[in-house]
N, C-alpha and C. Protein backbone atom coordinates (compact mmCIF):
# COMPACT_ATOMS: atom_id res chain seq x y z
N MET A 1 -3.62 60.31 5.92
CA MET A 1 -3.64 59.33 4.87
C MET A 1 -2.34 58.51 4.95
N ALA A 2 -2.49 57.23 4.90
CA ALA A 2 -1.33 56.36 5.02
C ALA A 2 -0.56 56.32 3.71
N GLY A 3 0.74 56.29 3.82
CA GLY A 3 1.59 56.22 2.64
C GLY A 3 1.76 54.78 2.18
N PRO A 4 2.31 54.60 1.02
CA PRO A 4 2.53 53.24 0.52
C PRO A 4 3.57 52.49 1.35
N THR A 5 3.33 51.21 1.51
CA THR A 5 4.28 50.39 2.27
C THR A 5 5.21 49.69 1.31
N PRO A 6 6.43 49.49 1.72
CA PRO A 6 7.36 48.77 0.83
C PRO A 6 6.97 47.30 0.69
N HIS A 7 7.28 46.73 -0.46
CA HIS A 7 6.91 45.35 -0.75
C HIS A 7 7.65 44.37 0.16
N SER A 8 8.83 44.74 0.60
CA SER A 8 9.60 43.82 1.43
C SER A 8 8.96 43.62 2.80
N GLU A 9 8.08 44.51 3.20
CA GLU A 9 7.41 44.39 4.49
C GLU A 9 6.47 43.19 4.52
N HIS A 10 5.87 42.86 3.39
CA HIS A 10 4.91 41.77 3.31
C HIS A 10 5.49 40.54 2.61
N PHE A 11 6.78 40.49 2.43
CA PHE A 11 7.40 39.39 1.69
C PHE A 11 7.18 38.06 2.38
N GLY A 12 7.23 38.01 3.70
CA GLY A 12 7.02 36.76 4.44
C GLY A 12 5.64 36.18 4.20
N ASP A 13 4.63 37.04 4.15
CA ASP A 13 3.27 36.59 3.89
C ASP A 13 3.15 36.05 2.46
N HIS A 14 3.76 36.74 1.52
CA HIS A 14 3.71 36.29 0.13
C HIS A 14 4.41 34.95 -0.03
N LYS A 15 5.54 34.80 0.62
CA LYS A 15 6.30 33.55 0.52
C LYS A 15 5.52 32.39 1.15
N ALA A 16 4.88 32.63 2.29
CA ALA A 16 4.08 31.58 2.93
C ALA A 16 2.89 31.18 2.06
N THR A 17 2.25 32.15 1.43
CA THR A 17 1.13 31.85 0.54
C THR A 17 1.59 31.04 -0.67
N TYR A 18 2.73 31.43 -1.24
CA TYR A 18 3.26 30.71 -2.39
C TYR A 18 3.63 29.28 -2.02
N GLU A 19 4.30 29.09 -0.90
CA GLU A 19 4.68 27.74 -0.47
C GLU A 19 3.45 26.88 -0.19
N GLY A 20 2.42 27.47 0.39
CA GLY A 20 1.18 26.73 0.61
C GLY A 20 0.51 26.34 -0.69
N PHE A 21 0.54 27.23 -1.67
CA PHE A 21 -0.03 26.92 -2.98
C PHE A 21 0.72 25.78 -3.65
N VAL A 22 2.05 25.81 -3.59
CA VAL A 22 2.85 24.76 -4.22
C VAL A 22 2.60 23.42 -3.52
N LYS A 23 2.57 23.42 -2.19
CA LYS A 23 2.30 22.18 -1.46
C LYS A 23 0.92 21.62 -1.80
N GLY A 24 -0.06 22.48 -1.86
CA GLY A 24 -1.41 22.05 -2.22
C GLY A 24 -1.49 21.51 -3.64
N SER A 25 -0.78 22.15 -4.55
CA SER A 25 -0.78 21.67 -5.94
C SER A 25 -0.13 20.31 -6.06
N ILE A 26 0.97 20.09 -5.35
CA ILE A 26 1.65 18.80 -5.39
C ILE A 26 0.76 17.73 -4.76
N ALA A 27 0.13 18.05 -3.63
CA ALA A 27 -0.74 17.08 -2.97
C ALA A 27 -1.93 16.72 -3.86
N LEU A 28 -2.52 17.69 -4.52
CA LEU A 28 -3.65 17.42 -5.41
C LEU A 28 -3.22 16.59 -6.62
N THR A 29 -2.04 16.87 -7.15
CA THR A 29 -1.53 16.09 -8.28
C THR A 29 -1.30 14.64 -7.87
N LEU A 30 -0.68 14.43 -6.70
CA LEU A 30 -0.45 13.07 -6.22
C LEU A 30 -1.78 12.34 -5.99
N TRP A 31 -2.76 13.03 -5.44
CA TRP A 31 -4.05 12.41 -5.19
C TRP A 31 -4.72 12.01 -6.50
N CYS A 32 -4.60 12.88 -7.52
CA CYS A 32 -5.15 12.54 -8.83
C CYS A 32 -4.44 11.34 -9.44
N LEU A 33 -3.15 11.21 -9.21
CA LEU A 33 -2.42 10.05 -9.71
C LEU A 33 -2.87 8.77 -9.01
N PHE A 34 -3.12 8.84 -7.70
CA PHE A 34 -3.65 7.68 -6.99
C PHE A 34 -5.01 7.27 -7.56
N ILE A 35 -5.85 8.24 -7.85
CA ILE A 35 -7.16 7.95 -8.42
C ILE A 35 -7.03 7.38 -9.83
N LEU A 36 -6.07 7.88 -10.61
CA LEU A 36 -5.84 7.35 -11.95
C LEU A 36 -5.43 5.88 -11.90
N VAL A 37 -4.54 5.54 -10.98
CA VAL A 37 -4.12 4.14 -10.83
C VAL A 37 -5.31 3.29 -10.36
N ALA A 38 -6.14 3.85 -9.47
CA ALA A 38 -7.31 3.12 -9.00
C ALA A 38 -8.29 2.87 -10.14
N LEU A 39 -8.47 3.84 -11.01
CA LEU A 39 -9.36 3.64 -12.15
C LEU A 39 -8.81 2.59 -13.11
N CYS A 40 -7.50 2.57 -13.27
CA CYS A 40 -6.89 1.51 -14.10
C CYS A 40 -7.10 0.15 -13.46
N SER A 41 -7.03 0.09 -12.14
CA SER A 41 -7.26 -1.17 -11.43
C SER A 41 -8.68 -1.66 -11.64
N VAL A 42 -9.65 -0.78 -11.54
CA VAL A 42 -11.04 -1.17 -11.72
C VAL A 42 -11.33 -1.52 -13.18
N GLY A 43 -10.77 -0.75 -14.08
CA GLY A 43 -11.06 -0.97 -15.49
C GLY A 43 -10.42 -2.20 -16.08
N PHE A 44 -9.22 -2.53 -15.63
CA PHE A 44 -8.48 -3.61 -16.28
C PHE A 44 -8.09 -4.73 -15.33
N GLY A 45 -8.34 -4.60 -14.04
CA GLY A 45 -7.90 -5.59 -13.06
C GLY A 45 -8.63 -6.91 -13.19
N SER A 46 -7.94 -7.98 -12.77
CA SER A 46 -8.55 -9.30 -12.89
C SER A 46 -9.00 -9.86 -11.54
N THR A 47 -8.27 -9.59 -10.46
CA THR A 47 -8.65 -10.12 -9.16
C THR A 47 -8.79 -8.99 -8.15
N LEU A 48 -9.91 -8.92 -7.51
CA LEU A 48 -10.21 -7.92 -6.48
C LEU A 48 -9.93 -6.48 -6.92
N PRO A 49 -10.40 -6.06 -8.09
CA PRO A 49 -10.04 -4.71 -8.56
C PRO A 49 -10.68 -3.60 -7.73
N ARG A 50 -11.92 -3.81 -7.29
CA ARG A 50 -12.57 -2.74 -6.53
C ARG A 50 -11.96 -2.57 -5.16
N PHE A 51 -11.59 -3.69 -4.52
CA PHE A 51 -10.95 -3.61 -3.21
C PHE A 51 -9.59 -2.93 -3.33
N MET A 52 -8.81 -3.29 -4.35
CA MET A 52 -7.50 -2.66 -4.54
C MET A 52 -7.64 -1.16 -4.82
N ALA A 53 -8.65 -0.80 -5.59
CA ALA A 53 -8.85 0.62 -5.91
C ALA A 53 -9.24 1.40 -4.66
N PHE A 54 -10.19 0.87 -3.91
CA PHE A 54 -10.64 1.56 -2.70
C PHE A 54 -9.52 1.66 -1.69
N ALA A 55 -8.82 0.56 -1.45
CA ALA A 55 -7.72 0.57 -0.49
C ALA A 55 -6.59 1.49 -0.94
N GLY A 56 -6.30 1.50 -2.23
CA GLY A 56 -5.23 2.37 -2.74
C GLY A 56 -5.54 3.85 -2.57
N VAL A 57 -6.77 4.23 -2.82
CA VAL A 57 -7.15 5.64 -2.66
C VAL A 57 -7.13 6.04 -1.18
N ILE A 58 -7.62 5.17 -0.31
CA ILE A 58 -7.62 5.48 1.13
C ILE A 58 -6.19 5.58 1.65
N VAL A 59 -5.36 4.59 1.34
CA VAL A 59 -3.97 4.61 1.80
C VAL A 59 -3.22 5.79 1.18
N GLY A 60 -3.49 6.07 -0.09
CA GLY A 60 -2.86 7.21 -0.75
C GLY A 60 -3.22 8.53 -0.09
N THR A 61 -4.47 8.70 0.27
CA THR A 61 -4.90 9.91 0.95
C THR A 61 -4.20 10.05 2.29
N ILE A 62 -4.08 8.96 3.01
CA ILE A 62 -3.42 9.01 4.33
C ILE A 62 -1.95 9.37 4.20
N VAL A 63 -1.23 8.75 3.25
CA VAL A 63 0.20 9.06 3.12
C VAL A 63 0.43 10.47 2.58
N ILE A 64 -0.47 10.98 1.75
CA ILE A 64 -0.34 12.37 1.30
C ILE A 64 -0.51 13.31 2.49
N LEU A 65 -1.49 13.04 3.34
CA LEU A 65 -1.68 13.88 4.52
C LEU A 65 -0.49 13.79 5.47
N ILE A 66 0.10 12.61 5.60
CA ILE A 66 1.29 12.47 6.44
C ILE A 66 2.44 13.29 5.87
N ASP A 67 2.65 13.22 4.56
CA ASP A 67 3.71 14.01 3.95
C ASP A 67 3.43 15.52 4.05
N LEU A 68 2.18 15.91 3.95
CA LEU A 68 1.84 17.33 4.13
C LEU A 68 2.19 17.80 5.53
N ARG A 69 1.83 16.99 6.52
CA ARG A 69 2.08 17.38 7.92
C ARG A 69 3.56 17.35 8.28
N SER A 70 4.33 16.44 7.65
CA SER A 70 5.74 16.32 8.00
C SER A 70 6.57 17.45 7.38
N GLY A 71 6.09 18.05 6.33
CA GLY A 71 6.81 19.15 5.71
C GLY A 71 7.97 18.70 4.84
N ALA A 72 7.98 17.44 4.43
CA ALA A 72 9.06 16.93 3.59
C ALA A 72 9.00 17.58 2.21
N LYS A 73 10.14 17.98 1.70
CA LYS A 73 10.17 18.66 0.41
C LYS A 73 10.07 17.67 -0.76
N ALA A 74 10.53 16.42 -0.57
CA ALA A 74 10.58 15.48 -1.68
C ALA A 74 9.39 14.53 -1.74
N TRP A 75 8.49 14.57 -0.77
CA TRP A 75 7.31 13.72 -0.72
C TRP A 75 7.68 12.23 -0.82
N PRO A 76 8.60 11.74 0.01
CA PRO A 76 9.11 10.36 -0.17
C PRO A 76 8.06 9.28 0.09
N LEU A 77 7.26 9.44 1.11
CA LEU A 77 6.28 8.42 1.46
C LEU A 77 5.20 8.32 0.38
N SER A 78 4.73 9.45 -0.10
CA SER A 78 3.67 9.45 -1.11
C SER A 78 4.16 8.88 -2.44
N LEU A 79 5.34 9.29 -2.86
CA LEU A 79 5.87 8.79 -4.13
C LEU A 79 6.20 7.30 -4.05
N GLY A 80 6.73 6.86 -2.92
CA GLY A 80 7.02 5.43 -2.76
C GLY A 80 5.76 4.59 -2.75
N THR A 81 4.75 5.06 -2.04
CA THR A 81 3.48 4.35 -1.99
C THR A 81 2.82 4.31 -3.37
N LEU A 82 2.89 5.42 -4.09
CA LEU A 82 2.32 5.46 -5.44
C LEU A 82 3.04 4.48 -6.36
N ALA A 83 4.36 4.39 -6.24
CA ALA A 83 5.11 3.46 -7.08
C ALA A 83 4.74 2.01 -6.77
N VAL A 84 4.63 1.68 -5.49
CA VAL A 84 4.26 0.32 -5.10
C VAL A 84 2.83 0.01 -5.55
N TYR A 85 1.94 0.95 -5.37
CA TYR A 85 0.55 0.77 -5.78
C TYR A 85 0.44 0.60 -7.29
N GLY A 86 1.21 1.38 -8.04
CA GLY A 86 1.21 1.24 -9.49
C GLY A 86 1.76 -0.11 -9.92
N LEU A 87 2.80 -0.59 -9.27
CA LEU A 87 3.35 -1.91 -9.60
C LEU A 87 2.36 -3.03 -9.28
N LEU A 88 1.70 -2.94 -8.13
CA LEU A 88 0.70 -3.94 -7.77
C LEU A 88 -0.45 -3.94 -8.78
N THR A 89 -0.86 -2.78 -9.20
CA THR A 89 -1.93 -2.69 -10.19
C THR A 89 -1.46 -3.26 -11.54
N ALA A 90 -0.22 -2.97 -11.91
CA ALA A 90 0.31 -3.50 -13.17
C ALA A 90 0.39 -5.03 -13.13
N ILE A 91 0.78 -5.59 -11.98
CA ILE A 91 0.83 -7.05 -11.83
C ILE A 91 -0.57 -7.62 -11.91
N ASN A 92 -1.53 -6.94 -11.30
CA ASN A 92 -2.92 -7.42 -11.30
C ASN A 92 -3.53 -7.33 -12.70
N VAL A 93 -3.14 -6.35 -13.46
CA VAL A 93 -3.70 -6.18 -14.80
C VAL A 93 -3.11 -7.17 -15.78
N ALA A 94 -1.83 -7.46 -15.62
CA ALA A 94 -1.14 -8.33 -16.59
C ALA A 94 -1.61 -9.75 -16.56
């Protein structure tokens, strides 16, 4: 019968799982924010709202995947793109 294993033996696996969960949660949150801005564009936009919404979600998905693959901790490309997309939507709505 095998004895109990110490918790420190599996710490690397637990840490990798936790880091993957955090990265996935951040990516999903950013994607939801891109969709929220796209819905604001469609709901309140005056010129080309559907094109801006579709393009924003596609570009947002691509930059989120790029940030996921690069392993950046601060998500600079995704946050910058979201800020620019939000400003463009705000200009289009106003």
